[in-house]
Amino acid sequence: AHAWVGPASTDDKRYLSFSAGARIEGKVTDKDGTAIASAEVSLRTSAGEERTGQTDSEGVFVFDRVPPRNTSILVRSGSLVGSGVLFVNRDQHRIDITCEPEVGLTIETVDPDGAPIPDSRVILTSGGRNLEQTTNGSGTTTFNGLSPGFWSVSIRAPSYAFYTGAMRIESGAVRTERIVLDRGLEITGRVTGPDGKPIAGATITLTLEPDASVSELEAA
C-alpha cells in the first residue's frame, strides 16, 4: 500500500511505502479432525509482541496486521493444547493446529553417583515456546501443560557441565526423565605481576563452550 505525503497543491507528489502487516488464519481441530470452537489462541512474535483471540464456531481464528518476523501460535481448550510456529514473510499465511491432551514432564537431575542436584536451571523449547524452571532440593522439577511432540532440553547447574538434548513427549501421564550431569572441570591458576608477586583482586574472564557465555571470577 502507499500513502501520499505533501501538500495537496504540489505537483511533486512523494509516496511513502508501508506494510499493513500480514494476515494469519488457521483452523483448530482435535486429533480426530473435529473443529474446536471457543479455543483460546495466543500469538507471540520474536520481538515479544503478544496477542490473544478465540476460534469461532467452526474452529477458525484470524490475526491481522502481524509484522514480518518469527511467530509462534499456542492454542488451549480445556485439557487440550497445540502449538505451531511460522515465519511471516508475505501478506497471508495459513497454519492449522491439531490439539491433543496436555502432558507433564518431570526432570530429575543427578550427578554421576546418583545424588540429586538442586538449583539446576532447566529450559524446555518447542514450537516457539521457551519454558524455564529450577530443580528443588530433591533435584526435580515438573513442567505441566506441555503439548505432545519433540522438545529440546538444556540444563545448567553450578560446578557441572552444560547439558543439551532432545526428547519426544507422547500423550498420557506425566513422564519422568532422569538426566545425569557430568562434573565440570576445575581450573586453578595464579596471577602474578612483572615482578612475580601475586595479584589479589584481579578479574578473570572465563569463556565457556558451547555457547560462549562469560563468567567473571575474583582472584583470591
C-alpha atoms as a PDB file:
ATOM      1  CA  ALA A   1       0.000   0.000   0.000  1.00  0.00           C
ATOM      2  CA  HIS A   2       1.064   3.631  -0.469  1.00  0.00           C
ATOM      3  CA  ALA A   3       0.306   6.913   1.243  1.00  0.00           C
ATOM      4  CA  TRP A   4       0.809  10.312  -0.367  1.00  0.00           C
ATOM      5  CA  VAL A   5       2.850  12.746   1.734  1.00  0.00           C
ATOM      6  CA  GLY A   6       2.853  16.506   0.967  1.00  0.00           C
ATOM      7  CA  PRO A   7       0.595  19.496   0.319  1.00  0.00           C
ATOM      8  CA  ALA A   8      -2.436  18.902  -1.883  1.00  0.00           C
ATOM      9  CA  SER A   9      -1.409  21.716  -4.273  1.00  0.00           C
ATOM     10  CA  THR A  10       2.032  20.436  -5.191  1.00  0.00           C
ATOM     11  CA  ASP A  11       2.764  18.533  -8.361  1.00  0.00           C
ATOM     12  CA  ASP A  12       5.749  16.905  -6.728  1.00  0.00           C
ATOM     13  CA  LYS A  13       3.933  14.022  -5.064  1.00  0.00           C
ATOM     14  CA  ARG A  14       6.102  11.898  -2.813  1.00  0.00           C
ATOM     15  CA  TYR A  15       4.891   8.443  -1.913  1.00  0.00           C
ATOM     16  CA  LEU A  16       5.778   6.596   1.249  1.00  0.00           C
ATOM     17  CA  SER A  17       5.527   2.803   1.103  1.00  0.00           C
ATOM     18  CA  PHE A  18       4.392   0.968   4.207  1.00  0.00           C
ATOM     19  CA  SER A  19       3.376  -2.535   5.164  1.00  0.00           C
ATOM     20  CA  ALA A  20      -0.010  -3.079   6.749  1.00  0.00           C
ATOM     21  CA  GLY A  21       1.223  -6.411   8.112  1.00  0.00           C
ATOM     22  CA  ALA A  22       0.138  -9.931   7.298  1.00  0.00           C
ATOM     23  CA  ARG A  23      -2.989 -11.934   7.990  1.00  0.00           C
ATOM     24  CA  ILE A  24      -2.584 -15.273   9.755  1.00  0.00           C
ATOM     25  CA  GLU A  25      -5.541 -17.606   9.533  1.00  0.00           C
ATOM     26  CA  GLY A  26      -5.947 -21.175  10.692  1.00  0.00           C
ATOM     27  CA  LYS A  27      -8.252 -23.876  11.957  1.00  0.00           C
ATOM     28  CA  VAL A  28      -8.028 -25.698  15.276  1.00  0.00           C
ATOM     29  CA  THR A  29      -9.115 -29.340  15.489  1.00  0.00           C
ATOM     30  CA  ASP A  30      -8.667 -32.288  17.801  1.00  0.00           C
ATOM     31  CA  LYS A  31      -6.752 -35.381  16.697  1.00  0.00           C
ATOM     32  CA  ASP A  32      -9.954 -36.794  15.163  1.00  0.00           C
ATOM     33  CA  GLY A  33     -10.331 -33.730  12.946  1.00  0.00           C
ATOM     34  CA  THR A  34     -13.267 -32.205  14.827  1.00  0.00           C
ATOM     35  CA  ALA A  35     -13.246 -28.398  14.915  1.00  0.00           C
ATOM     36  CA  ILE A  36     -12.763 -26.846  18.370  1.00  0.00           C
ATOM     37  CA  ALA A  37     -14.869 -23.751  18.982  1.00  0.00           C
ATOM     38  CA  SER A  38     -14.025 -21.054  21.559  1.00  0.00           C
ATOM     39  CA  ALA A  39     -10.437 -22.242  21.945  1.00  0.00           C
ATOM     40  CA  GLU A  40      -8.012 -19.675  23.362  1.00  0.00           C
ATOM     41  CA  VAL A  41      -5.391 -18.744  20.747  1.00  0.00           C
ATOM     42  CA  SER A  42      -2.227 -16.860  21.729  1.00  0.00           C
ATOM     43  CA  LEU A  43       0.185 -15.302  19.241  1.00  0.00           C
ATOM     44  CA  ARG A  44       3.723 -14.239  20.133  1.00  0.00           C
ATOM     45  CA  THR A  45       6.337 -12.752  17.815  1.00  0.00           C
ATOM     46  CA  SER A  46      10.110 -12.981  18.200  1.00  0.00           C
ATOM     47  CA  ALA A  47      10.049  -9.283  19.160  1.00  0.00           C
ATOM     48  CA  GLY A  48       7.876 -10.087  22.198  1.00  0.00           C
ATOM     49  CA  GLU A  49       4.562  -8.785  20.828  1.00  0.00           C
ATOM     50  CA  GLU A  50       1.637 -10.821  22.173  1.00  0.00           C
ATOM     51  CA  ARG A  51      -2.000 -11.097  21.121  1.00  0.00           C
ATOM     52  CA  THR A  52      -4.873 -13.353  22.114  1.00  0.00           C
ATOM     53  CA  GLY A  53      -8.095 -14.412  20.440  1.00  0.00           C
ATOM     54  CA  GLN A  54     -10.626 -17.219  20.165  1.00  0.00           C
ATOM     55  CA  THR A  55     -11.723 -19.634  17.500  1.00  0.00           C
ATOM     56  CA  ASP A  56     -15.203 -19.206  16.037  1.00  0.00           C
ATOM     57  CA  SER A  57     -17.931 -21.839  15.841  1.00  0.00           C
ATOM     58  CA  GLU A  58     -16.018 -23.586  13.036  1.00  0.00           C
ATOM     59  CA  GLY A  59     -12.695 -23.589  14.865  1.00  0.00           C
ATOM     60  CA  VAL A  60     -11.218 -20.777  12.751  1.00  0.00           C
ATOM     61  CA  PHE A  61      -9.002 -17.979  14.098  1.00  0.00           C
ATOM     62  CA  VAL A  62      -7.620 -14.864  12.396  1.00  0.00           C
ATOM     63  CA  PHE A  63      -4.905 -12.361  13.325  1.00  0.00           C
ATOM     64  CA  ASP A  64      -4.444  -9.264  11.143  1.00  0.00           C
ATOM     65  CA  ARG A  65      -1.553  -6.812  10.795  1.00  0.00           C
ATOM     66  CA  VAL A  66       1.115  -9.239  12.020  1.00  0.00           C
ATOM     67  CA  PRO A  67       4.657  -7.882  11.417  1.00  0.00           C
ATOM     68  CA  PRO A  68       7.196  -9.895   9.388  1.00  0.00           C
ATOM     69  CA  ARG A  69       9.143 -11.995  11.887  1.00  0.00           C
ATOM     70  CA  ASN A  70       9.158 -15.439  13.535  1.00  0.00           C
ATOM     71  CA  THR A  71       5.768 -16.043  15.134  1.00  0.00           C
ATOM     72  CA  SER A  72       4.500 -18.798  17.418  1.00  0.00           C
ATOM     73  CA  ILE A  73       0.881 -19.836  17.994  1.00  0.00           C
ATOM     74  CA  LEU A  74      -0.312 -21.565  21.170  1.00  0.00           C
ATOM     75  CA  VAL A  75      -3.829 -22.983  21.465  1.00  0.00           C
ATOM     76  CA  ARG A  76      -5.614 -24.156  24.614  1.00  0.00           C
ATOM     77  CA  SER A  77      -9.067 -25.601  25.105  1.00  0.00           C
ATOM     78  CA  GLY A  78      -9.676 -27.234  28.463  1.00  0.00           C
ATOM     79  CA  SER A  79      -7.108 -30.023  28.790  1.00  0.00           C
ATOM     80  CA  LEU A  80      -6.252 -29.865  25.075  1.00  0.00           C
ATOM     81  CA  VAL A  81      -3.206 -27.973  23.831  1.00  0.00           C
ATOM     82  CA  GLY A  82      -1.479 -27.419  20.499  1.00  0.00           C
ATOM     83  CA  SER A  83       1.148 -25.143  19.018  1.00  0.00           C
ATOM     84  CA  GLY A  84       2.848 -24.104  15.808  1.00  0.00           C
ATOM     85  CA  VAL A  85       5.493 -21.707  14.533  1.00  0.00           C
ATOM     86  CA  LEU A  86       5.958 -19.856  11.242  1.00  0.00           C
ATOM     87  CA  PHE A  87       7.984 -17.066   9.692  1.00  0.00           C
ATOM     88  CA  VAL A  88       5.770 -14.239   8.470  1.00  0.00           C
ATOM     89  CA  ASN A  89       7.143 -13.043   5.123  1.00  0.00           C
ATOM     90  CA  ARG A  90       4.092 -12.465   2.905  1.00  0.00           C
ATOM     91  CA  ASP A  91       0.612 -10.928   3.046  1.00  0.00           C
ATOM     92  CA  GLN A  92      -1.287 -14.075   4.019  1.00  0.00           C
ATOM     93  CA  HIS A  93      -0.383 -17.216   5.929  1.00  0.00           C
ATOM     94  CA  ARG A  94      -2.350 -20.269   6.965  1.00  0.00           C
ATOM     95  CA  ILE A  95      -1.467 -22.566   9.843  1.00  0.00           C
ATOM     96  CA  ASP A  96      -3.804 -25.321  11.035  1.00  0.00           C
ATOM     97  CA  ILE A  97      -3.221 -26.671  14.519  1.00  0.00           C
ATOM     98  CA  THR A  98      -4.154 -30.040  15.991  1.00  0.00           C
ATOM     99  CA  CYS A  99      -4.727 -30.140  19.745  1.00  0.00           C
ATOM    100  CA  GLU A 100      -4.071 -33.164  21.930  1.00  0.00           C
ATOM    101  CA  PRO A 101      -4.382 -33.813  25.672  1.00  0.00           C
ATOM    102  CA  GLU A 102      -1.704 -31.840  27.506  1.00  0.00           C
ATOM    103  CA  VAL A 103       1.101 -33.789  29.163  1.00  0.00           C
ATOM    104  CA  GLY A 104       3.540 -33.279  32.010  1.00  0.00           C
ATOM    105  CA  LEU A 105       7.276 -33.834  32.230  1.00  0.00           C
ATOM    106  CA  THR A 106       9.342 -34.244  35.391  1.00  0.00           C
ATOM    107  CA  ILE A 107      13.074 -33.642  35.035  1.00  0.00           C
ATOM    108  CA  GLU A 108      15.347 -35.188  37.654  1.00  0.00           C
ATOM    109  CA  THR A 109      18.985 -34.055  37.674  1.00  0.00           C
ATOM    110  CA  VAL A 110      21.608 -36.224  39.385  1.00  0.00           C
ATOM    111  CA  ASP A 111      25.410 -36.406  39.490  1.00  0.00           C
ATOM    112  CA  PRO A 112      27.374 -39.464  38.249  1.00  0.00           C
ATOM    113  CA  ASP A 113      26.953 -41.070  41.698  1.00  0.00           C
ATOM    114  CA  GLY A 114      23.163 -40.669  41.595  1.00  0.00           C
ATOM    115  CA  ALA A 115      22.970 -37.831  44.122  1.00  0.00           C
ATOM    116  CA  PRO A 116      20.335 -35.161  43.338  1.00  0.00           C
ATOM    117  CA  ILE A 117      21.469 -31.769  42.026  1.00  0.00           C
ATOM    118  CA  PRO A 118      19.296 -28.911  43.353  1.00  0.00           C
ATOM    119  CA  ASP A 119      19.122 -25.458  41.756  1.00  0.00           C
ATOM    120  CA  SER A 120      19.616 -26.782  38.228  1.00  0.00           C
ATOM    121  CA  ARG A 121      18.200 -24.385  35.634  1.00  0.00           C
ATOM    122  CA  VAL A 122      16.120 -26.418  33.151  1.00  0.00           C
ATOM    123  CA  ILE A 123      14.893 -24.920  29.858  1.00  0.00           C
ATOM    124  CA  LEU A 124      12.410 -26.643  27.521  1.00  0.00           C
ATOM    125  CA  THR A 125      11.918 -25.364  23.963  1.00  0.00           C
ATOM    126  CA  SER A 126       9.406 -26.401  21.292  1.00  0.00           C
ATOM    127  CA  GLY A 127       7.370 -24.596  18.634  1.00  0.00           C
ATOM    128  CA  GLY A 128       8.427 -21.159  19.760  1.00  0.00           C
ATOM    129  CA  ARG A 129       7.717 -21.884  23.427  1.00  0.00           C
ATOM    130  CA  ASN A 130      10.529 -21.440  25.957  1.00  0.00           C
ATOM    131  CA  LEU A 131       9.828 -22.673  29.478  1.00  0.00           C
ATOM    132  CA  GLU A 132      12.269 -22.351  32.362  1.00  0.00           C
ATOM    133  CA  GLN A 133      12.210 -23.801  35.877  1.00  0.00           C
ATOM    134  CA  THR A 134      14.679 -24.652  38.642  1.00  0.00           C
ATOM    135  CA  THR A 135      15.007 -28.024  40.343  1.00  0.00           C
ATOM    136  CA  ASN A 136      14.110 -28.284  44.021  1.00  0.00           C
ATOM    137  CA  GLY A 137      16.120 -29.763  46.875  1.00  0.00           C
ATOM    138  CA  SER A 138      15.461 -33.258  45.518  1.00  0.00           C
ATOM    139  CA  GLY A 139      16.828 -32.308  42.112  1.00  0.00           C
ATOM    140  CA  THR A 140      13.440 -32.441  40.386  1.00  0.00           C
ATOM    141  CA  THR A 141      11.051 -30.039  38.670  1.00  0.00           C
ATOM    142  CA  THR A 142       7.783 -30.725  36.822  1.00  0.00           C
ATOM    143  CA  PHE A 143       6.514 -28.956  33.698  1.00  0.00           C
ATOM    144  CA  ASN A 144       2.746 -29.188  33.151  1.00  0.00           C
ATOM    145  CA  GLY A 145       0.577 -28.212  30.197  1.00  0.00           C
ATOM    146  CA  LEU A 146       3.036 -29.356  27.514  1.00  0.00           C
ATOM    147  CA  SER A 147       1.920 -30.218  24.008  1.00  0.00           C
ATOM    148  CA  PRO A 148       2.951 -33.666  22.709  1.00  0.00           C
ATOM    149  CA  GLY A 149       5.906 -33.660  20.318  1.00  0.00           C
ATOM    150  CA  PHE A 150       9.639 -33.002  20.273  1.00  0.00           C
ATOM    151  CA  TRP A 151      11.144 -30.760  22.957  1.00  0.00           C
ATOM    152  CA  SER A 152      14.751 -29.664  23.315  1.00  0.00           C
ATOM    153  CA  VAL A 153      16.189 -29.666  26.840  1.00  0.00           C
ATOM    154  CA  SER A 154      19.100 -27.642  28.200  1.00  0.00           C
ATOM    155  CA  ILE A 155      20.334 -27.714  31.785  1.00  0.00           C
ATOM    156  CA  ARG A 156      22.804 -25.584  33.695  1.00  0.00           C
ATOM    157  CA  ALA A 157      23.972 -26.285  37.231  1.00  0.00           C
ATOM    158  CA  PRO A 158      26.849 -24.740  39.197  1.00  0.00           C
ATOM    159  CA  SER A 159      30.017 -26.912  39.047  1.00  0.00           C
ATOM    160  CA  TYR A 160      28.518 -29.221  36.403  1.00  0.00           C
ATOM    161  CA  ALA A 161      28.904 -29.420  32.640  1.00  0.00           C
ATOM    162  CA  PHE A 162      26.241 -27.843  30.425  1.00  0.00           C
ATOM    163  CA  TYR A 163      23.686 -30.388  29.175  1.00  0.00           C
ATOM    164  CA  THR A 164      21.636 -30.273  25.979  1.00  0.00           C
ATOM    165  CA  GLY A 165      19.435 -32.906  24.400  1.00  0.00           C
ATOM    166  CA  ALA A 166      16.036 -33.614  22.862  1.00  0.00           C
ATOM    167  CA  MET A 167      13.118 -35.922  23.586  1.00  0.00           C
ATOM    168  CA  ARG A 168       9.706 -36.776  22.213  1.00  0.00           C
ATOM    169  CA  ILE A 169       6.806 -36.468  24.655  1.00  0.00           C
ATOM    170  CA  GLU A 170       3.746 -38.611  23.962  1.00  0.00           C
ATOM    171  CA  SER A 171       0.197 -38.090  25.193  1.00  0.00           C
ATOM    172  CA  GLY A 172      -0.505 -39.719  28.528  1.00  0.00           C
ATOM    173  CA  ALA A 173       0.572 -39.470  32.143  1.00  0.00           C
ATOM    174  CA  VAL A 174       3.425 -37.363  33.488  1.00  0.00           C
ATOM    175  CA  ARG A 175       6.736 -38.659  32.204  1.00  0.00           C
ATOM    176  CA  THR A 176       9.875 -38.663  34.367  1.00  0.00           C
ATOM    177  CA  GLU A 177      13.265 -38.178  32.735  1.00  0.00           C
ATOM    178  CA  ARG A 178      16.408 -38.771  34.817  1.00  0.00           C
ATOM    179  CA  ILE A 179      19.389 -36.826  33.491  1.00  0.00           C
ATOM    180  CA  VAL A 180      22.948 -37.360  34.702  1.00  0.00           C
ATOM    181  CA  LEU A 181      25.123 -34.238  34.667  1.00  0.00           C
ATOM    182  CA  ASP A 182      28.870 -34.616  34.330  1.00  0.00           C
ATOM    183  CA  ARG A 183      31.018 -32.770  36.812  1.00  0.00           C
ATOM    184  CA  GLY A 184      32.660 -29.667  35.436  1.00  0.00           C
ATOM    185  CA  LEU A 185      36.433 -29.309  35.248  1.00  0.00           C
ATOM    186  CA  GLU A 186      38.174 -27.379  37.991  1.00  0.00           C
ATOM    187  CA  ILE A 187      40.571 -24.735  36.676  1.00  0.00           C
ATOM    188  CA  THR A 188      43.202 -23.364  39.031  1.00  0.00           C
ATOM    189  CA  GLY A 189      45.974 -20.870  38.444  1.00  0.00           C
ATOM    190  CA  ARG A 190      47.954 -17.990  39.862  1.00  0.00           C
ATOM    191  CA  VAL A 191      48.039 -14.374  38.670  1.00  0.00           C
ATOM    192  CA  THR A 192      51.321 -12.510  39.079  1.00  0.00           C
ATOM    193  CA  GLY A 193      52.761  -9.188  38.016  1.00  0.00           C
ATOM    194  CA  PRO A 194      56.033  -8.499  36.154  1.00  0.00           C
ATOM    195  CA  ASP A 195      57.894  -8.775  39.447  1.00  0.00           C
ATOM    196  CA  GLY A 196      56.464 -12.230  40.097  1.00  0.00           C
ATOM    197  CA  LYS A 197      54.385 -11.123  43.046  1.00  0.00           C
ATOM    198  CA  PRO A 198      50.774 -12.435  43.260  1.00  0.00           C
ATOM    199  CA  ILE A 199      47.979 -10.014  42.318  1.00  0.00           C
ATOM    200  CA  ALA A 200      44.936 -10.133  44.590  1.00  0.00           C
ATOM    201  CA  GLY A 201      41.517  -8.986  43.381  1.00  0.00           C
ATOM    202  CA  ALA A 202      42.278  -9.395  39.659  1.00  0.00           C
ATOM    203  CA  THR A 203      39.254 -10.026  37.457  1.00  0.00           C
ATOM    204  CA  ILE A 204      39.475 -13.282  35.480  1.00  0.00           C
ATOM    205  CA  THR A 205      37.198 -13.782  32.480  1.00  0.00           C
ATOM    206  CA  LEU A 206      36.373 -17.372  31.545  1.00  0.00           C
ATOM    207  CA  THR A 207      34.731 -18.157  28.200  1.00  0.00           C
ATOM    208  CA  LEU A 208      32.647 -21.337  28.299  1.00  0.00           C
ATOM    209  CA  GLU A 209      31.664 -23.587  25.408  1.00  0.00           C
ATOM    210  CA  PRO A 210      29.431 -24.460  23.599  1.00  0.00           C
ATOM    211  CA  ASP A 211      27.501 -21.209  23.856  1.00  0.00           C
ATOM    212  CA  ALA A 212      30.410 -18.897  24.631  1.00  0.00           C
ATOM    213  CA  SER A 213      28.833 -17.471  27.781  1.00  0.00           C
ATOM    214  CA  VAL A 214      31.098 -15.481  30.050  1.00  0.00           C
ATOM    215  CA  SER A 215      31.730 -15.819  33.770  1.00  0.00           C
ATOM    216  CA  GLU A 216      33.767 -13.451  35.873  1.00  0.00           C
ATOM    217  CA  LEU A 217      35.743 -14.746  38.797  1.00  0.00           C
ATOM    218  CA  GLU A 218      37.507 -12.846  41.512  1.00  0.00           C
ATOM    219  CA  ALA A 219      41.045 -13.906  42.265  1.00  0.00           C
ATOM    220  CA  ALA A 220      41.688 -14.635  45.929  1.00  0.00           C
END
